[in-house]
Protein backbone atom coordinates (compact mmCIF):
# COMPACT_ATOMS: atom_id res chain seq x y z
CA MET A 1 96.70 129.81 66.10
CA ASN A 2 100.36 129.89 64.60
CA ASP A 3 100.84 127.55 61.55
CA GLU A 4 102.51 125.32 63.63
CA LYS A 5 99.90 124.37 65.92
CA LYS A 6 97.44 124.35 63.40
CA GLN A 7 99.24 122.00 61.62
CA TYR A 8 99.77 119.78 64.66
CA ASN A 9 96.15 119.97 65.60
CA GLU A 10 95.09 118.84 61.96
CA ALA A 11 97.42 115.91 62.29
CA VAL A 12 96.19 114.39 65.36
CA SER A 13 92.18 116.01 65.01
CA GLY A 14 89.48 112.98 64.19
CA LYS A 15 92.03 110.13 64.25
CA GLN A 16 92.61 106.98 66.59
CA LEU A 17 96.09 107.48 68.19
CA ARG A 18 97.97 106.09 71.50
CA LEU A 19 99.00 109.14 73.69
CA VAL A 20 102.18 107.46 74.65
CA ASP A 21 103.27 107.33 71.05
CA LEU A 22 102.81 111.16 70.54
CA ILE A 23 106.13 112.07 72.32
CA GLU A 24 109.36 110.46 72.51
CA TYR A 25 112.08 110.57 75.24
CA GLN A 26 115.10 112.78 74.83
CA GLU A 27 118.50 111.56 76.78
CA GLY A 28 118.85 114.04 79.69
CA SER A 29 115.54 116.36 78.98
CA VAL A 30 112.07 116.79 79.63
CA VAL A 31 110.15 117.09 76.48
CA SER A 32 106.68 118.48 76.09
CA ARG A 33 103.92 118.75 73.35
CA THR A 34 100.67 120.26 73.66
CA ILE A 35 97.54 118.56 72.02
CA ILE A 36 94.85 121.02 72.92
CA ASP A 37 95.40 124.84 73.82
CA LYS A 38 92.30 126.43 74.37
CA GLU A 39 91.19 129.83 76.55
CA ALA A 40 89.53 127.07 78.94
CA GLY A 41 92.37 124.97 79.46
CA THR A 42 95.31 122.90 78.33
CA VAL A 43 96.44 119.22 77.35
CA THR A 44 99.91 118.64 77.22
CA LEU A 45 102.19 115.18 76.76
CA PHE A 46 105.45 115.24 78.67
CA ALA A 47 108.33 112.82 78.48
CA PHE A 48 110.90 112.72 81.03
CA ASP A 49 114.45 111.19 81.08
CA GLY A 50 115.25 109.23 84.48
CA GLY A 51 116.17 111.90 86.88
CA GLN A 52 114.57 114.88 85.32
CA GLY A 53 111.81 116.64 86.62
CA LEU A 54 110.10 120.00 87.21
CA SER A 55 110.95 122.10 90.05
CA GLU A 56 108.58 122.75 92.80
CA HIS A 57 106.06 125.92 91.56
CA THR A 58 102.54 126.90 91.96
CA ALA A 59 99.59 127.28 89.48
CA PRO A 60 96.24 129.16 89.58
CA PHE A 61 94.35 126.08 88.23
CA ASP A 62 93.95 122.60 89.24
CA ALA A 63 95.95 120.15 86.85
CA MET A 64 95.54 116.17 86.53
CA VAL A 65 98.63 113.99 85.81
CA TYR A 66 98.03 110.75 84.34
CA ALA A 67 101.08 108.59 84.12
CA LEU A 68 101.37 106.95 80.73
CA ASP A 69 104.78 105.29 81.19
CA GLY A 70 107.48 104.92 83.73
CA GLU A 71 107.65 105.92 87.26
CA VAL A 72 107.52 109.66 88.84
CA GLU A 73 107.54 111.20 92.10
CA VAL A 74 105.01 113.87 92.51
CA THR A 75 105.10 116.20 95.39
CA ILE A 76 102.51 118.38 96.53
CA SER A 77 103.05 120.89 99.69
CA GLY A 78 105.84 118.40 100.87
CA LYS A 79 103.93 115.16 100.68
CA LYS A 80 105.47 112.93 98.11
CA PHE A 81 103.11 110.68 95.78
CA PRO A 82 104.89 107.80 93.67
CA LEU A 83 102.84 107.27 90.38
CA THR A 84 103.24 104.69 87.94
CA LYS A 85 101.59 103.76 84.76
CA GLY A 86 98.03 104.11 84.48
CA GLU A 87 97.71 106.16 88.01
CA MET A 88 96.73 109.81 88.15
CA ILE A 89 96.83 112.46 90.57
CA ILE A 90 95.37 115.96 90.69
CA MET A 91 97.47 118.89 91.96
CA PRO A 92 95.39 121.39 93.69
CA ALA A 93 95.45 125.30 92.54
CA ASN A 94 97.92 127.52 94.18
CA LYS A 95 99.51 124.75 96.00
CA PRO A 96 103.23 123.97 95.64
CA HIS A 97 103.93 121.15 93.51
CA ALA A 98 107.14 119.30 91.83
CA LEU A 99 107.76 116.24 89.93
CA LYS A 100 110.94 114.04 89.39
CA ALA A 101 111.20 111.01 87.08
CA THR A 102 112.50 108.08 89.18
CA LYS A 103 112.66 106.25 85.69
CA ARG A 104 111.71 107.70 82.10
CA PHE A 105 108.21 108.84 82.57
CA LYS A 106 105.53 109.83 80.36
CA MET A 107 102.53 111.71 81.39
CA LEU A 108 99.43 113.62 80.32
CA LEU A 109 98.84 116.96 82.11
CA THR A 110 95.27 118.40 81.86
CA MET A 111 94.72 122.01 83.14
CA ILE A 112 91.28 123.23 83.52
CA LYS A 113 91.50 127.37 83.73
CA SER A 114 87.57 127.81 84.12
């Protein structure tokens, strides 16, 4: 583990925190911050400015998106799913998916690799 990741893990481990407060919006950008990065999977926070997104791609593992703030449109295999704060969706492994923030949006992405 590199020094930056180790320092961040120490800063958040064993503390009561609000996920939505651990990442900030940046104008015209998508920001990400990894919370857990293990061989078995990752937990990553994302903040999308309105209109920003992730282009269509596939992943070899299931991934769960949990909406922390704002609104997003998730597309899975061509079908669109609007999500708002407090909602979640699982993007199945090997299925094409994309995300586009319809308003500023924060999410927690959990990917289990095994």
